[in-house]
């Protein structure tokens, strides 16, 4: 009988913090900060669709930060 996928796999998050080297973790944190800056500094007319899309992306980013043990900003 097949087992259920772990919650992380269901959300598309497969790597664990333990498998990352310190350099990989630093690279990941730097990349996530860059992505957050890019999302928040993207100048667009704040329509409902744009705001909802940006909020969803920032929520996904915060979930990734929590998954890898980073402090969400």
N, C-alpha and C. Protein backbone atom coordinates (compact mmCIF):
# COMPACT_ATOMS: atom_id res chain seq x y z
N UNK A 1 0.84 -1.17 0.00
CA UNK A 1 0.00 0.00 0.00
C UNK A 1 0.89 1.24 0.00
N UNK A 2 0.67 2.20 -0.95
CA UNK A 2 1.53 3.39 -1.00
C UNK A 2 1.29 4.29 0.20
N UNK A 3 2.36 4.97 0.59
CA UNK A 3 2.25 5.90 1.70
C UNK A 3 2.01 7.30 1.16
N UNK A 4 1.43 8.13 1.98
CA UNK A 4 1.16 9.51 1.57
C UNK A 4 2.45 10.28 1.51
N UNK A 5 2.53 11.21 0.57
CA UNK A 5 3.71 12.05 0.44
C UNK A 5 3.80 12.98 1.63
N UNK A 6 5.01 13.29 2.08
CA UNK A 6 5.13 14.25 3.19
C UNK A 6 4.55 15.60 2.78
N UNK A 7 4.09 16.39 3.76
CA UNK A 7 3.48 17.69 3.44
C UNK A 7 4.38 18.57 2.57
N UNK A 8 5.70 18.51 2.80
CA UNK A 8 6.61 19.34 2.01
C UNK A 8 6.54 18.97 0.53
N UNK A 9 6.48 17.66 0.26
CA UNK A 9 6.41 17.21 -1.13
C UNK A 9 5.12 17.66 -1.78
N UNK A 10 4.04 17.66 -1.03
CA UNK A 10 2.76 18.09 -1.56
C UNK A 10 2.80 19.57 -1.95
N UNK A 11 3.62 20.35 -1.27
CA UNK A 11 3.74 21.79 -1.58
C UNK A 11 4.87 22.05 -2.57
N UNK A 12 5.55 21.00 -3.03
CA UNK A 12 6.63 21.19 -3.99
C UNK A 12 7.95 21.54 -3.35
N UNK A 13 8.08 21.32 -2.05
CA UNK A 13 9.33 21.62 -1.35
C UNK A 13 9.97 20.29 -1.02
N UNK A 14 11.11 19.97 -1.65
CA UNK A 14 11.67 18.66 -1.47
C UNK A 14 12.94 18.60 -0.64
N UNK A 15 13.72 19.63 -0.63
CA UNK A 15 15.00 19.60 0.07
C UNK A 15 14.81 19.91 1.55
N UNK A 16 15.69 19.35 2.36
CA UNK A 16 15.64 19.67 3.78
C UNK A 16 16.86 20.51 4.15
N UNK A 17 16.75 21.20 5.26
CA UNK A 17 17.82 22.08 5.71
C UNK A 17 19.10 21.28 5.96
N UNK A 18 18.94 20.05 6.47
CA UNK A 18 20.11 19.24 6.82
C UNK A 18 20.97 18.89 5.61
N UNK A 19 20.39 18.90 4.42
CA UNK A 19 21.15 18.51 3.23
C UNK A 19 21.92 19.67 2.62
N UNK A 20 21.75 20.87 3.15
CA UNK A 20 22.43 22.04 2.60
C UNK A 20 23.75 22.31 3.32
N UNK A 21 24.76 22.61 2.54
CA UNK A 21 26.03 23.04 3.14
C UNK A 21 25.86 24.50 3.57
N UNK A 22 26.77 24.99 4.42
CA UNK A 22 26.67 26.41 4.81
C UNK A 22 26.69 27.35 3.60
N UNK A 23 27.51 27.03 2.60
CA UNK A 23 27.56 27.88 1.41
C UNK A 23 26.24 27.83 0.64
N UNK A 24 25.64 26.64 0.53
CA UNK A 24 24.37 26.53 -0.17
C UNK A 24 23.27 27.29 0.58
N UNK A 25 23.29 27.19 1.88
CA UNK A 25 22.28 27.91 2.69
C UNK A 25 22.43 29.42 2.50
N UNK A 26 23.67 29.90 2.50
CA UNK A 26 23.90 31.33 2.29
C UNK A 26 23.43 31.76 0.91
N UNK A 27 23.71 30.92 -0.10
CA UNK A 27 23.26 31.23 -1.45
C UNK A 27 21.73 31.27 -1.52
N UNK A 28 21.08 30.33 -0.86
CA UNK A 28 19.63 30.28 -0.84
C UNK A 28 19.05 31.52 -0.16
N UNK A 29 19.61 31.88 0.98
CA UNK A 29 19.14 33.07 1.70
C UNK A 29 19.33 34.33 0.86
N UNK A 30 20.48 34.45 0.20
CA UNK A 30 20.74 35.61 -0.65
C UNK A 30 19.74 35.64 -1.81
N UNK A 31 19.50 34.50 -2.41
CA UNK A 31 18.54 34.42 -3.52
C UNK A 31 17.14 34.79 -3.09
N UNK A 32 16.71 34.28 -1.92
CA UNK A 32 15.38 34.60 -1.44
C UNK A 32 15.24 36.08 -1.11
N UNK A 33 16.30 36.69 -0.57
CA UNK A 33 16.25 38.14 -0.31
C UNK A 33 16.12 38.91 -1.62
N UNK A 34 16.85 38.46 -2.66
CA UNK A 34 16.77 39.11 -3.97
C UNK A 34 15.35 38.99 -4.54
N UNK A 35 14.78 37.80 -4.43
CA UNK A 35 13.42 37.59 -4.95
C UNK A 35 12.43 38.48 -4.20
N UNK A 36 12.55 38.54 -2.86
CA UNK A 36 11.66 39.39 -2.07
C UNK A 36 11.79 40.85 -2.52
N UNK A 37 13.01 41.33 -2.68
CA UNK A 37 13.22 42.72 -3.12
C UNK A 37 12.60 42.94 -4.49
N UNK A 38 12.79 42.00 -5.37
CA UNK A 38 12.24 42.12 -6.72
C UNK A 38 10.72 42.20 -6.68
N UNK A 39 10.10 41.38 -5.85
CA UNK A 39 8.63 41.40 -5.75
C UNK A 39 8.12 42.70 -5.16
N UNK A 40 8.77 43.18 -4.14
CA UNK A 40 8.27 44.37 -3.46
C UNK A 40 8.60 45.66 -4.21
N UNK A 41 9.62 45.64 -5.04
CA UNK A 41 10.01 46.86 -5.76
C UNK A 41 9.49 46.92 -7.18
N UNK A 42 8.73 45.92 -7.59
CA UNK A 42 8.15 45.91 -8.93
C UNK A 42 7.06 46.97 -9.00
N UNK A 43 7.28 47.98 -9.81
CA UNK A 43 6.35 49.11 -9.90
C UNK A 43 5.26 48.78 -10.92
N UNK A 44 4.05 48.63 -10.40
CA UNK A 44 2.88 48.39 -11.24
C UNK A 44 1.69 49.12 -10.62
N UNK A 45 0.70 49.36 -11.45
CA UNK A 45 -0.55 49.93 -10.93
C UNK A 45 -1.12 48.92 -9.93
N UNK A 46 -1.42 49.35 -8.71
CA UNK A 46 -1.87 48.40 -7.68
C UNK A 46 -3.33 47.96 -7.86
N UNK A 47 -3.59 47.25 -8.95
CA UNK A 47 -4.93 46.71 -9.16
C UNK A 47 -5.14 45.53 -8.20
N UNK A 48 -6.37 45.10 -8.06
CA UNK A 48 -6.67 43.96 -7.18
C UNK A 48 -5.88 42.72 -7.61
N UNK A 49 -5.77 42.51 -8.92
CA UNK A 49 -5.05 41.35 -9.45
C UNK A 49 -3.57 41.42 -9.11
N UNK A 50 -2.97 42.57 -9.30
CA UNK A 50 -1.54 42.75 -9.01
C UNK A 50 -1.27 42.56 -7.52
N UNK A 51 -2.09 43.16 -6.68
CA UNK A 51 -1.91 43.04 -5.24
C UNK A 51 -2.08 41.58 -4.80
N UNK A 52 -3.09 40.90 -5.32
CA UNK A 52 -3.32 39.49 -4.96
C UNK A 52 -2.16 38.61 -5.42
N UNK A 53 -1.67 38.86 -6.60
CA UNK A 53 -0.55 38.07 -7.13
C UNK A 53 0.72 38.30 -6.30
N UNK A 54 1.00 39.55 -5.98
CA UNK A 54 2.18 39.88 -5.17
C UNK A 54 2.06 39.27 -3.77
N UNK A 55 0.88 39.36 -3.17
CA UNK A 55 0.65 38.78 -1.84
C UNK A 55 0.85 37.27 -1.86
N UNK A 56 0.32 36.61 -2.89
CA UNK A 56 0.48 35.15 -3.00
C UNK A 56 1.96 34.79 -3.15
N UNK A 57 2.69 35.52 -3.97
CA UNK A 57 4.11 35.24 -4.16
C UNK A 57 4.90 35.47 -2.86
N UNK A 58 4.58 36.54 -2.14
CA UNK A 58 5.26 36.81 -0.88
C UNK A 58 4.93 35.75 0.18
N UNK A 59 3.70 35.25 0.16
CA UNK A 59 3.33 34.18 1.08
C UNK A 59 4.09 32.89 0.77
N UNK A 60 4.25 32.57 -0.51
CA UNK A 60 5.04 31.40 -0.90
C UNK A 60 6.49 31.57 -0.48
N UNK A 61 7.01 32.75 -0.64
CA UNK A 61 8.38 33.05 -0.24
C UNK A 61 8.55 32.88 1.27
N UNK A 62 7.59 33.37 2.04
CA UNK A 62 7.65 33.22 3.50
C UNK A 62 7.59 31.74 3.89
N UNK A 63 6.81 30.95 3.16
CA UNK A 63 6.74 29.52 3.44
C UNK A 63 8.09 28.85 3.18
N UNK A 64 8.75 29.23 2.11
CA UNK A 64 10.09 28.70 1.83
C UNK A 64 11.07 29.09 2.93
N UNK A 65 11.00 30.34 3.36
CA UNK A 65 11.89 30.80 4.43
C UNK A 65 11.66 30.00 5.71
N UNK A 66 10.40 29.76 6.04
CA UNK A 66 10.10 28.95 7.23
C UNK A 66 10.60 27.52 7.07
N UNK A 67 10.41 26.96 5.88
CA UNK A 67 10.83 25.58 5.62
C UNK A 67 12.34 25.41 5.83
N UNK A 68 13.10 26.39 5.42
CA UNK A 68 14.56 26.31 5.54
C UNK A 68 15.06 26.95 6.82
N UNK A 69 14.16 27.24 7.75
CA UNK A 69 14.57 27.74 9.06
C UNK A 69 15.06 29.17 9.06
N UNK A 70 14.65 29.94 8.08
CA UNK A 70 15.02 31.34 8.01
C UNK A 70 13.92 32.16 8.65
N UNK A 71 14.27 33.30 9.14
CA UNK A 71 13.28 34.19 9.73
C UNK A 71 12.55 34.93 8.60
N UNK A 72 11.25 34.67 8.41
CA UNK A 72 10.51 35.40 7.38
C UNK A 72 10.53 36.90 7.66
N UNK A 73 10.61 37.68 6.63
CA UNK A 73 10.68 39.14 6.79
C UNK A 73 9.34 39.75 6.53
